[in-house]
Amino acid sequence: MRKLEHLKKLKRGPQVILPKDFGMIVAFTGIGKKSACIDAGSGSGWLACMLGNICKRVVSYERREEFAELARENVKRMGLKNVKVKLKDVFEGIDEKNVDLVVLDLADAERAVAHAYKALRQGGHLAAYLPHAEQVQKFVRECEAQQFGDIFTIECIVREMLAREHGFRPDTKGLWHTGYLSFAKKQGRA
């Protein structure tokens, strides 16, 4: 898969959310230049940087100091002033309120769903990047328990095509499964 120019500046440590999945997050949540977003599980900070390129404000939570530092370095490399990396465990709560999007990119994401609900504005979106189907099941059950609505899960697979004089066909290499993306929308509680 081809690497995008702006991402070549960034150092990679732990697993990152790739552009194909980031694009789905943007498309299904409708975030944009007026949006305030939470990224939980900063890792290398790639998602925080991509969100920072299109959103008004991004706060990224990371509980591991070495990952938080790497994420801060990557934010600096991108020259983003609207992205803050917090050294804090999201399982202990989210400080910000009335945000448009919370993205959970961490193991046991279901443990942060109630905190996300409290942080989101009415009609705000929750997205989770989950590598395993069992994680999706736990996450969806917790979203239902917290009375989120419009809950759905997708997988985004990208194949590059070879266009050559002697034929057109899919490349034999590809970026197949990276993770499932589960989405939920904050609804009013009865």
N, C-alpha and C. Protein backbone atom coordinates (compact mmCIF):
# COMPACT_ATOMS: atom_id res chain seq x y z
N MET A 1 0.84 -1.17 0.00
CA MET A 1 0.00 0.00 0.00
C MET A 1 0.88 1.23 0.00
N ARG A 2 0.47 2.23 -0.68
CA ARG A 2 1.25 3.47 -0.79
C ARG A 2 1.14 4.29 0.49
N LYS A 3 2.23 4.92 0.84
CA LYS A 3 2.27 5.77 2.04
C LYS A 3 2.02 7.22 1.63
N LEU A 4 1.14 7.88 2.33
CA LEU A 4 0.82 9.27 2.04
C LEU A 4 1.96 10.18 2.48
N GLU A 5 2.27 11.19 1.68
CA GLU A 5 3.39 12.08 1.93
C GLU A 5 3.40 12.66 3.34
N HIS A 6 2.27 13.19 3.81
CA HIS A 6 2.27 13.84 5.12
C HIS A 6 2.53 12.86 6.26
N LEU A 7 2.24 11.59 6.05
CA LEU A 7 2.48 10.60 7.11
C LEU A 7 3.93 10.14 7.15
N LYS A 8 4.70 10.43 6.10
CA LYS A 8 6.12 10.04 6.08
C LYS A 8 6.92 10.77 7.15
N LYS A 9 6.43 11.91 7.63
CA LYS A 9 7.10 12.68 8.68
C LYS A 9 7.01 12.00 10.03
N LEU A 10 6.02 11.14 10.21
CA LEU A 10 5.70 10.60 11.53
C LEU A 10 6.49 9.33 11.84
N LYS A 11 6.90 9.22 13.09
CA LYS A 11 7.53 7.99 13.56
C LYS A 11 6.43 7.04 14.00
N ARG A 12 6.69 5.77 13.81
CA ARG A 12 5.71 4.76 14.17
C ARG A 12 6.24 3.92 15.31
N GLY A 13 5.44 3.79 16.34
CA GLY A 13 5.76 2.93 17.48
C GLY A 13 4.73 1.83 17.50
N PRO A 14 3.74 1.94 18.40
CA PRO A 14 2.68 0.93 18.43
C PRO A 14 1.78 1.02 17.20
N GLN A 15 0.93 0.03 17.04
CA GLN A 15 -0.02 -0.05 15.93
C GLN A 15 -0.74 1.27 15.72
N VAL A 16 -0.98 1.62 14.45
CA VAL A 16 -1.64 2.88 14.12
C VAL A 16 -2.93 2.63 13.35
N ILE A 17 -3.84 3.61 13.43
CA ILE A 17 -5.03 3.58 12.57
C ILE A 17 -4.59 4.15 11.23
N LEU A 18 -4.78 3.37 10.18
CA LEU A 18 -4.33 3.75 8.84
C LEU A 18 -5.35 4.63 8.13
N PRO A 19 -4.91 5.33 7.07
CA PRO A 19 -5.81 6.24 6.35
C PRO A 19 -7.11 5.60 5.88
N LYS A 20 -7.10 4.34 5.48
CA LYS A 20 -8.33 3.69 5.01
C LYS A 20 -9.39 3.66 6.12
N ASP A 21 -8.96 3.39 7.34
CA ASP A 21 -9.89 3.34 8.46
C ASP A 21 -10.25 4.75 8.94
N PHE A 22 -9.27 5.66 8.93
CA PHE A 22 -9.53 7.05 9.28
C PHE A 22 -10.59 7.65 8.36
N GLY A 23 -10.49 7.35 7.08
CA GLY A 23 -11.48 7.86 6.11
C GLY A 23 -12.88 7.39 6.43
N MET A 24 -13.02 6.17 6.89
CA MET A 24 -14.33 5.64 7.26
C MET A 24 -14.85 6.35 8.51
N ILE A 25 -13.96 6.64 9.45
CA ILE A 25 -14.37 7.36 10.67
C ILE A 25 -14.91 8.74 10.29
N VAL A 26 -14.21 9.44 9.43
CA VAL A 26 -14.65 10.78 8.99
C VAL A 26 -15.99 10.66 8.25
N ALA A 27 -16.08 9.71 7.34
CA ALA A 27 -17.29 9.57 6.51
C ALA A 27 -18.52 9.24 7.35
N PHE A 28 -18.39 8.34 8.30
CA PHE A 28 -19.56 7.90 9.06
C PHE A 28 -19.92 8.80 10.25
N THR A 29 -19.01 9.70 10.64
CA THR A 29 -19.31 10.59 11.77
C THR A 29 -19.55 12.03 11.34
N GLY A 30 -19.12 12.40 10.16
CA GLY A 30 -19.34 13.76 9.66
C GLY A 30 -18.52 14.83 10.35
N ILE A 31 -17.42 14.45 11.00
CA ILE A 31 -16.60 15.46 11.67
C ILE A 31 -15.95 16.38 10.65
N GLY A 32 -15.62 17.59 11.12
CA GLY A 32 -15.01 18.56 10.22
C GLY A 32 -14.35 19.69 10.98
N LYS A 33 -14.22 20.83 10.32
CA LYS A 33 -13.40 21.94 10.84
C LYS A 33 -13.93 22.57 12.13
N LYS A 34 -15.17 22.31 12.52
CA LYS A 34 -15.71 22.85 13.77
C LYS A 34 -15.77 21.80 14.88
N SER A 35 -15.31 20.60 14.60
CA SER A 35 -15.46 19.47 15.54
C SER A 35 -14.40 19.44 16.63
N ALA A 36 -14.84 19.00 17.81
CA ALA A 36 -13.96 18.71 18.93
C ALA A 36 -13.95 17.20 19.11
N CYS A 37 -12.76 16.62 19.18
CA CYS A 37 -12.63 15.16 19.20
C CYS A 37 -11.73 14.67 20.32
N ILE A 38 -12.03 13.48 20.79
CA ILE A 38 -11.20 12.77 21.76
C ILE A 38 -10.67 11.52 21.07
N ASP A 39 -9.38 11.29 21.20
CA ASP A 39 -8.72 10.10 20.70
C ASP A 39 -8.18 9.38 21.93
N ALA A 40 -8.70 8.20 22.22
CA ALA A 40 -8.25 7.48 23.41
C ALA A 40 -7.43 6.27 23.01
N GLY A 41 -6.19 6.26 23.46
CA GLY A 41 -5.21 5.26 23.06
C GLY A 41 -4.31 5.87 22.00
N SER A 42 -3.60 6.93 22.36
CA SER A 42 -2.79 7.70 21.40
C SER A 42 -1.83 6.83 20.60
N GLY A 43 -1.16 5.92 21.30
CA GLY A 43 -0.15 5.12 20.62
C GLY A 43 0.89 6.02 19.99
N SER A 44 1.06 5.95 18.69
CA SER A 44 2.03 6.78 17.97
C SER A 44 1.50 8.17 17.66
N GLY A 45 0.21 8.39 17.88
CA GLY A 45 -0.38 9.70 17.63
C GLY A 45 -0.84 9.94 16.21
N TRP A 46 -0.82 8.92 15.38
CA TRP A 46 -1.23 9.10 13.97
C TRP A 46 -2.67 9.57 13.86
N LEU A 47 -3.58 8.93 14.59
CA LEU A 47 -4.98 9.33 14.51
C LEU A 47 -5.16 10.76 15.00
N ALA A 48 -4.51 11.11 16.11
CA ALA A 48 -4.61 12.48 16.63
C ALA A 48 -4.13 13.47 15.58
N CYS A 49 -3.06 13.15 14.87
CA CYS A 49 -2.55 14.04 13.82
C CYS A 49 -3.51 14.14 12.65
N MET A 50 -4.06 13.03 12.21
CA MET A 50 -5.00 13.07 11.09
C MET A 50 -6.26 13.84 11.48
N LEU A 51 -6.75 13.62 12.71
CA LEU A 51 -7.91 14.39 13.20
C LEU A 51 -7.56 15.87 13.29
N GLY A 52 -6.36 16.17 13.76
CA GLY A 52 -5.92 17.55 13.90
C GLY A 52 -5.85 18.30 12.58
N ASN A 53 -5.65 17.57 11.50
CA ASN A 53 -5.61 18.20 10.17
C ASN A 53 -6.99 18.69 9.72
N ILE A 54 -8.05 18.11 10.27
CA ILE A 54 -9.39 18.51 9.79
C ILE A 54 -10.31 19.06 10.88
N CYS A 55 -9.96 18.87 12.15
CA CYS A 55 -10.85 19.28 13.24
C CYS A 55 -10.34 20.52 13.96
N LYS A 56 -11.24 21.16 14.66
CA LYS A 56 -10.89 22.36 15.42
C LYS A 56 -10.00 22.04 16.62
N ARG A 57 -10.36 20.95 17.36
CA ARG A 57 -9.64 20.62 18.58
C ARG A 57 -9.62 19.11 18.78
N VAL A 58 -8.44 18.60 19.18
CA VAL A 58 -8.28 17.16 19.45
C VAL A 58 -7.54 17.00 20.76
N VAL A 59 -8.08 16.16 21.63
CA VAL A 59 -7.39 15.77 22.86
C VAL A 59 -7.19 14.26 22.78
N SER A 60 -5.94 13.85 22.93
CA SER A 60 -5.59 12.44 22.81
C SER A 60 -5.13 11.92 24.17
N TYR A 61 -5.77 10.85 24.65
CA TYR A 61 -5.45 10.25 25.94
C TYR A 61 -4.51 9.06 25.74
N GLU A 62 -3.46 9.01 26.56
CA GLU A 62 -2.53 7.88 26.52
C GLU A 62 -2.06 7.61 27.95
N ARG A 63 -2.10 6.36 28.36
CA ARG A 63 -1.70 6.03 29.73
C ARG A 63 -0.23 5.64 29.86
N ARG A 64 0.41 5.33 28.74
CA ARG A 64 1.83 4.96 28.78
C ARG A 64 2.69 6.16 28.40
N GLU A 65 3.59 6.51 29.30
CA GLU A 65 4.40 7.72 29.12
C GLU A 65 5.22 7.70 27.83
N GLU A 66 5.82 6.56 27.49
CA GLU A 66 6.65 6.51 26.28
C GLU A 66 5.82 6.70 25.01
N PHE A 67 4.59 6.20 25.00
CA PHE A 67 3.71 6.41 23.84
C PHE A 67 3.22 7.86 23.78
N ALA A 68 2.90 8.43 24.94
CA ALA A 68 2.46 9.83 24.98
C ALA A 68 3.56 10.74 24.43
N GLU A 69 4.80 10.46 24.80
CA GLU A 69 5.92 11.27 24.31
C GLU A 69 6.09 11.13 22.79
N LEU A 70 5.98 9.91 22.28
CA LEU A 70 6.06 9.69 20.84
C LEU A 70 4.93 10.42 20.13
N ALA A 71 3.73 10.34 20.67
CA ALA A 71 2.58 11.04 20.06
C ALA A 71 2.83 12.55 20.06
N ARG A 72 3.35 13.09 21.16
CA ARG A 72 3.65 14.53 21.21
C ARG A 72 4.68 14.93 20.16
N GLU A 73 5.70 14.09 20.00
CA GLU A 73 6.73 14.36 18.98
C GLU A 73 6.11 14.37 17.58
N ASN A 74 5.21 13.44 17.32
CA ASN A 74 4.57 13.39 16.00
C ASN A 74 3.65 14.59 15.78
N VAL A 75 2.95 15.01 16.81
CA VAL A 75 2.10 16.21 16.70
C VAL A 75 2.98 17.42 16.36
N LYS A 76 4.12 17.51 17.02
CA LYS A 76 5.06 18.61 16.76
C LYS A 76 5.59 18.54 15.32
N ARG A 77 5.94 17.34 14.85
CA ARG A 77 6.43 17.16 13.47
C ARG A 77 5.41 17.66 12.44
N MET A 78 4.13 17.48 12.77
CA MET A 78 3.07 17.91 11.86
C MET A 78 2.74 19.40 12.02
N GLY A 79 3.31 20.03 13.05
CA GLY A 79 3.07 21.45 13.28
C GLY A 79 1.65 21.77 13.73
N LEU A 80 1.03 20.86 14.43
CA LEU A 80 -0.36 21.04 14.85
C LEU A 80 -0.44 21.70 16.22
N LYS A 81 -1.13 22.81 16.31
CA LYS A 81 -1.31 23.54 17.57
C LYS A 81 -2.64 23.20 18.23
N ASN A 82 -3.52 22.52 17.52
CA ASN A 82 -4.86 22.22 18.01
C ASN A 82 -4.99 20.80 18.58
N VAL A 83 -3.84 20.12 18.77
CA VAL A 83 -3.84 18.75 19.29
C VAL A 83 -3.07 18.71 20.60
N LYS A 84 -3.72 18.17 21.63
CA LYS A 84 -3.09 18.02 22.94
C LYS A 84 -3.04 16.54 23.29
N VAL A 85 -1.89 16.06 23.74
CA VAL A 85 -1.75 14.68 24.18
C VAL A 85 -1.68 14.69 25.70
N LYS A 86 -2.63 13.99 26.33
CA LYS A 86 -2.72 13.91 27.80
C LYS A 86 -2.19 12.57 28.27
N LEU A 87 -1.35 12.61 29.29
CA LEU A 87 -0.91 11.38 29.95
C LEU A 87 -1.95 11.04 31.01
N LYS A 88 -2.96 10.27 30.60
CA LYS A 88 -4.06 9.91 31.49
C LYS A 88 -4.73 8.64 30.96
N ASP A 89 -5.16 7.80 31.88
CA ASP A 89 -5.87 6.58 31.54
C ASP A 89 -7.35 6.91 31.30
N VAL A 90 -7.82 6.69 30.10
CA VAL A 90 -9.20 7.02 29.75
C VAL A 90 -10.21 6.19 30.55
N PHE A 91 -9.76 5.05 31.08
CA PHE A 91 -10.66 4.24 31.90
C PHE A 91 -11.00 4.93 33.22
N GLU A 92 -10.26 5.98 33.56
CA GLU A 92 -10.54 6.77 34.76
C GLU A 92 -11.46 7.94 34.46
N GLY A 93 -11.82 8.13 33.21
CA GLY A 93 -12.74 9.20 32.83
C GLY A 93 -12.18 10.12 31.75
N ILE A 94 -13.08 10.88 31.16
CA ILE A 94 -12.74 11.86 30.13
C ILE A 94 -13.11 13.23 30.69
N ASP A 95 -12.14 14.13 30.72
CA ASP A 95 -12.34 15.46 31.31
C ASP A 95 -13.21 16.37 30.44
N GLU A 96 -13.09 16.27 29.14
CA GLU A 96 -13.78 17.16 28.21
C GLU A 96 -15.26 16.79 28.11
N LYS A 97 -16.08 17.79 27.82
CA LYS A 97 -17.53 17.56 27.68
C LYS A 97 -18.00 18.18 26.37
N ASN A 98 -19.14 17.71 25.90
CA ASN A 98 -19.79 18.27 24.71
C ASN A 98 -18.96 18.12 23.43
N VAL A 99 -18.24 17.01 23.33
CA VAL A 99 -17.42 16.77 22.14
C VAL A 99 -18.24 16.09 21.05
N ASP A 100 -17.75 16.19 19.83
CA ASP A 100 -18.46 15.64 18.67
C ASP A 100 -18.13 14.18 18.40
N LEU A 101 -16.91 13.77 18.78
CA LEU A 101 -16.46 12.41 18.47
C LEU A 101 -15.52 11.92 19.56
N VAL A 102 -15.70 10.67 19.96
CA VAL A 102 -14.73 9.95 20.79
C VAL A 102 -14.34 8.71 20.01
N VAL A 103 -13.03 8.51 19.82
CA VAL A 103 -12.52 7.31 19.17
C VAL A 103 -11.75 6.51 20.21
N LEU A 104 -12.10 5.25 20.37
CA LEU A 104 -11.42 4.36 21.30
C LEU A 104 -10.58 3.37 20.51
N ASP A 105 -9.27 3.46 20.67
CA ASP A 105 -8.33 2.57 20.00
C ASP A 105 -7.48 1.92 21.07
N LEU A 106 -8.11 1.00 21.80
CA LEU A 106 -7.41 0.36 22.91
C LEU A 106 -8.10 -0.95 23.27
N ALA A 107 -7.34 -1.81 23.90
CA ALA A 107 -7.91 -3.07 24.38
C ALA A 107 -8.95 -2.76 25.45
N ASP A 108 -9.97 -3.57 25.55
CA ASP A 108 -11.04 -3.38 26.54
C ASP A 108 -11.78 -2.06 26.34
N ALA A 109 -11.98 -1.66 25.09
CA ALA A 109 -12.64 -0.39 24.77
C ALA A 109 -14.00 -0.28 25.44
N GLU A 110 -14.66 -1.39 25.66
CA GLU A 110 -15.99 -1.35 26.28
C GLU A 110 -15.94 -0.71 27.67
N ARG A 111 -14.80 -0.75 28.33
CA ARG A 111 -14.67 -0.16 29.67
C ARG A 111 -14.71 1.37 29.63
N ALA A 112 -14.55 1.98 28.47
CA ALA A 112 -14.56 3.44 28.34
C ALA A 112 -15.86 3.97 27.72
N VAL A 113 -16.79 3.09 27.39
CA VAL A 113 -18.02 3.51 26.71
C VAL A 113 -18.85 4.47 27.58
N ALA A 114 -19.01 4.19 28.86
CA ALA A 114 -19.79 5.08 29.74
C ALA A 114 -19.13 6.46 29.85
N HIS A 115 -17.80 6.49 29.91
CA HIS A 115 -17.08 7.77 29.95
C HIS A 115 -17.29 8.54 28.64
N ALA A 116 -17.28 7.82 27.53
CA ALA A 116 -17.49 8.46 26.23
C ALA A 116 -18.89 9.06 26.16
N TYR A 117 -19.87 8.32 26.67
CA TYR A 117 -21.25 8.82 26.65
C TYR A 117 -21.34 10.16 27.37
N LYS A 118 -20.72 10.26 28.54
CA LYS A 118 -20.75 11.50 29.33
C LYS A 118 -20.02 12.65 28.62
N ALA A 119 -18.99 12.34 27.85
CA ALA A 119 -18.19 13.37 27.17
C ALA A 119 -18.85 13.89 25.90
N LEU A 120 -19.67 13.07 25.27
CA LEU A 120 -20.26 13.43 23.98
C LEU A 120 -21.43 14.40 24.11
N ARG A 121 -21.58 15.25 23.12
CA ARG A 121 -22.77 16.10 23.01
C ARG A 121 -23.91 15.21 22.52
N GLN A 122 -25.13 15.66 22.66
CA GLN A 122 -26.28 14.94 22.12
C GLN A 122 -26.08 14.81 20.61
N GLY A 123 -26.20 13.62 20.07
CA GLY A 123 -25.99 13.39 18.64
C GLY A 123 -24.54 13.16 18.27
N GLY A 124 -23.64 13.21 19.28
CA GLY A 124 -22.21 12.95 19.03
C GLY A 124 -21.96 11.48 18.74
N HIS A 125 -20.80 11.20 18.18
CA HIS A 125 -20.47 9.84 17.72
C HIS A 125 -19.36 9.21 18.54
N LEU A 126 -19.48 7.91 18.70
CA LEU A 126 -18.45 7.08 19.31
C LEU A 126 -17.99 6.10 18.24
N ALA A 127 -16.68 5.97 18.11
CA ALA A 127 -16.11 4.99 17.17
C ALA A 127 -15.05 4.20 17.91
N ALA A 128 -14.95 2.92 17.59
CA ALA A 128 -13.92 2.07 18.19
C ALA A 128 -13.21 1.29 17.10
N TYR A 129 -11.91 1.22 17.22
CA TYR A 129 -11.07 0.43 16.33
C TYR A 129 -10.73 -0.84 17.09
N LEU A 130 -11.23 -1.99 16.60
CA LEU A 130 -11.15 -3.24 17.34
C LEU A 130 -10.63 -4.36 16.44
N PRO A 131 -9.45 -4.90 16.74
CA PRO A 131 -8.87 -5.93 15.88
C PRO A 131 -9.61 -7.27 15.86
N HIS A 132 -10.32 -7.61 16.94
CA HIS A 132 -10.92 -8.94 17.06
C HIS A 132 -12.44 -8.89 17.20
N ALA A 133 -13.11 -9.88 16.62
CA ALA A 133 -14.58 -9.95 16.65
C ALA A 133 -15.12 -10.01 18.07
N GLU A 134 -14.41 -10.69 18.97
CA GLU A 134 -14.86 -10.79 20.35
C GLU A 134 -14.88 -9.42 21.02
N GLN A 135 -13.92 -8.56 20.65
CA GLN A 135 -13.90 -7.20 21.18
C GLN A 135 -15.11 -6.41 20.69
N VAL A 136 -15.46 -6.62 19.43
CA VAL A 136 -16.63 -5.95 18.85
C VAL A 136 -17.87 -6.34 19.63
N GLN A 137 -18.03 -7.62 19.91
CA GLN A 137 -19.22 -8.08 20.65
C GLN A 137 -19.34 -7.41 22.01
N LYS A 138 -18.25 -7.34 22.76
CA LYS A 138 -18.27 -6.70 24.08
C LYS A 138 -18.58 -5.21 23.94
N PHE A 139 -17.96 -4.56 22.97
CA PHE A 139 -18.17 -3.13 22.76
C PHE A 139 -19.62 -2.82 22.41
N VAL A 140 -20.19 -3.58 21.49
CA VAL A 140 -21.57 -3.36 21.07
C VAL A 140 -22.53 -3.58 22.23
N ARG A 141 -22.32 -4.64 23.00
CA ARG A 141 -23.19 -4.89 24.17
C ARG A 141 -23.15 -3.71 25.15
N GLU A 142 -21.95 -3.15 25.36
CA GLU A 142 -21.84 -2.03 26.29
C GLU A 142 -22.48 -0.77 25.71
N CYS A 143 -22.35 -0.55 24.41
CA CYS A 143 -23.03 0.58 23.77
C CYS A 143 -24.54 0.47 23.94
N GLU A 144 -25.06 -0.73 23.76
CA GLU A 144 -26.51 -0.95 23.96
C GLU A 144 -26.90 -0.68 25.41
N ALA A 145 -26.08 -1.14 26.36
CA ALA A 145 -26.37 -0.94 27.78
C ALA A 145 -26.36 0.55 28.15
N GLN A 146 -25.53 1.33 27.48
CA GLN A 146 -25.44 2.77 27.74
C GLN A 146 -26.47 3.56 26.92
N GLN A 147 -27.29 2.85 26.16
CA GLN A 147 -28.37 3.42 25.36
C GLN A 147 -27.89 4.29 24.19
N PHE A 148 -26.74 3.91 23.63
CA PHE A 148 -26.34 4.49 22.36
C PHE A 148 -27.28 3.96 21.30
N GLY A 149 -27.44 4.68 20.22
CA GLY A 149 -28.25 4.21 19.10
C GLY A 149 -27.40 4.13 17.84
N ASP A 150 -28.03 3.72 16.74
CA ASP A 150 -27.37 3.65 15.44
C ASP A 150 -26.02 2.93 15.53
N ILE A 151 -26.02 1.76 16.16
CA ILE A 151 -24.79 0.99 16.38
C ILE A 151 -24.58 0.07 15.18
N PHE A 152 -23.38 0.14 14.59
CA PHE A 152 -23.05 -0.76 13.49
C PHE A 152 -21.54 -0.95 13.42
N THR A 153 -21.12 -1.99 12.72
CA THR A 153 -19.71 -2.34 12.59
C THR A 153 -19.39 -2.62 11.13
N ILE A 154 -18.22 -2.14 10.70
CA ILE A 154 -17.76 -2.39 9.33
C ILE A 154 -16.32 -2.89 9.36
N GLU A 155 -15.90 -3.43 8.23
CA GLU A 155 -14.50 -3.75 7.99
C GLU A 155 -14.15 -3.11 6.66
N CYS A 156 -13.04 -2.43 6.60
CA CYS A 156 -12.62 -1.74 5.38
C CYS A 156 -11.39 -2.44 4.80
N ILE A 157 -11.57 -3.00 3.63
CA ILE A 157 -10.47 -3.70 2.95
C ILE A 157 -10.13 -2.93 1.68
N VAL A 158 -8.85 -2.70 1.47
CA VAL A 158 -8.40 -1.94 0.31
C VAL A 158 -7.47 -2.82 -0.53
N ARG A 159 -7.72 -2.86 -1.84
CA ARG A 159 -6.83 -3.57 -2.76
C ARG A 159 -6.39 -2.60 -3.84
N GLU A 160 -5.10 -2.53 -4.07
CA GLU A 160 -4.60 -1.71 -5.16
C GLU A 160 -4.72 -2.51 -6.45
N MET A 161 -5.00 -1.82 -7.54
CA MET A 161 -5.17 -2.46 -8.84
C MET A 161 -3.95 -2.21 -9.72
N LEU A 162 -3.63 -3.20 -10.51
CA LEU A 162 -2.53 -3.07 -11.48
C LEU A 162 -3.14 -2.79 -12.85
N ALA A 163 -2.83 -1.64 -13.41
CA ALA A 163 -3.29 -1.29 -14.76
C ALA A 163 -2.07 -1.31 -15.66
N ARG A 164 -1.99 -2.37 -16.46
CA ARG A 164 -0.82 -2.56 -17.33
C ARG A 164 -1.28 -2.81 -18.75
N GLU A 165 -0.38 -2.67 -19.68
CA GLU A 165 -0.72 -2.85 -21.09
C GLU A 165 -1.28 -4.25 -21.35
N HIS A 166 -0.74 -5.25 -20.68
CA HIS A 166 -1.18 -6.62 -20.93
C HIS A 166 -2.31 -7.08 -20.00
N GLY A 167 -2.91 -6.17 -19.24
CA GLY A 167 -4.06 -6.57 -18.43
C GLY A 167 -4.24 -5.75 -17.17
N PHE A 168 -5.46 -5.77 -16.72
CA PHE A 168 -5.86 -5.07 -15.49
C PHE A 168 -6.31 -6.12 -14.49
N ARG A 169 -5.74 -6.07 -13.29
CA ARG A 169 -6.14 -7.04 -12.26
C ARG A 169 -5.73 -6.52 -10.89
N PRO A 170 -6.27 -7.13 -9.82
CA PRO A 170 -5.85 -6.74 -8.47
C PRO A 170 -4.38 -7.11 -8.24
N ASP A 171 -3.68 -6.28 -7.50
CA ASP A 171 -2.32 -6.58 -7.09
C ASP A 171 -2.38 -7.80 -6.17
N THR A 172 -1.34 -8.59 -6.13
CA THR A 172 -1.34 -9.77 -5.26
C THR A 172 -1.05 -9.40 -3.82
N LYS A 173 -0.58 -8.18 -3.60
CA LYS A 173 -0.38 -7.69 -2.23
C LYS A 173 -1.57 -6.79 -1.90
N GLY A 174 -1.85 -6.66 -0.63
CA GLY A 174 -2.95 -5.78 -0.25
C GLY A 174 -2.98 -5.53 1.23
N LEU A 175 -3.76 -4.58 1.60
CA LEU A 175 -3.96 -4.25 2.99
C LEU A 175 -5.34 -4.80 3.34
N TRP A 176 -5.35 -5.96 3.92
CA TRP A 176 -6.62 -6.63 4.17
C TRP A 176 -7.14 -6.23 5.53
N HIS A 177 -7.32 -7.16 6.43
CA HIS A 177 -7.90 -6.84 7.73
C HIS A 177 -6.90 -6.10 8.61
N THR A 178 -7.28 -4.93 9.07
CA THR A 178 -6.49 -4.21 10.07
C THR A 178 -7.28 -4.18 11.37
N GLY A 179 -8.56 -3.98 11.27
CA GLY A 179 -9.42 -3.95 12.45
C GLY A 179 -10.85 -3.72 12.03
N TYR A 180 -11.76 -3.94 12.95
CA TYR A 180 -13.16 -3.62 12.72
C TYR A 180 -13.40 -2.21 13.25
N LEU A 181 -14.29 -1.50 12.62
CA LEU A 181 -14.69 -0.18 13.08
C LEU A 181 -16.14 -0.27 13.53
N SER A 182 -16.35 -0.02 14.81
CA SER A 182 -17.71 -0.01 15.35
C SER A 182 -18.10 1.43 15.66
N PHE A 183 -19.34 1.77 15.34
CA PHE A 183 -19.84 3.13 15.51
C PHE A 183 -21.11 3.11 16.35
N ALA A 184 -21.32 4.20 17.09
CA ALA A 184 -22.54 4.38 17.87
C ALA A 184 -22.80 5.89 17.98
N LYS A 185 -24.07 6.25 18.17
CA LYS A 185 -24.46 7.66 18.25
C LYS A 185 -25.18 7.89 19.57
N LYS A 186 -24.82 9.00 20.24
CA LYS A 186 -25.47 9.33 21.51
C LYS A 186 -26.89 9.77 21.28
N GLN A 187 -27.81 9.03 21.86
CA GLN A 187 -29.23 9.31 21.78
C GLN A 187 -29.70 9.82 23.13
N GLY A 188 -30.87 10.39 23.18
CA GLY A 188 -31.44 10.80 24.47
C GLY A 188 -31.83 9.59 25.29
N ARG A 189 -31.59 9.64 26.56
CA ARG A 189 -32.00 8.53 27.45
C ARG A 189 -33.44 8.75 27.89
N ALA A 190 -34.17 7.67 27.99
CA ALA A 190 -35.58 7.73 28.40
C ALA A 190 -35.72 8.03 29.87
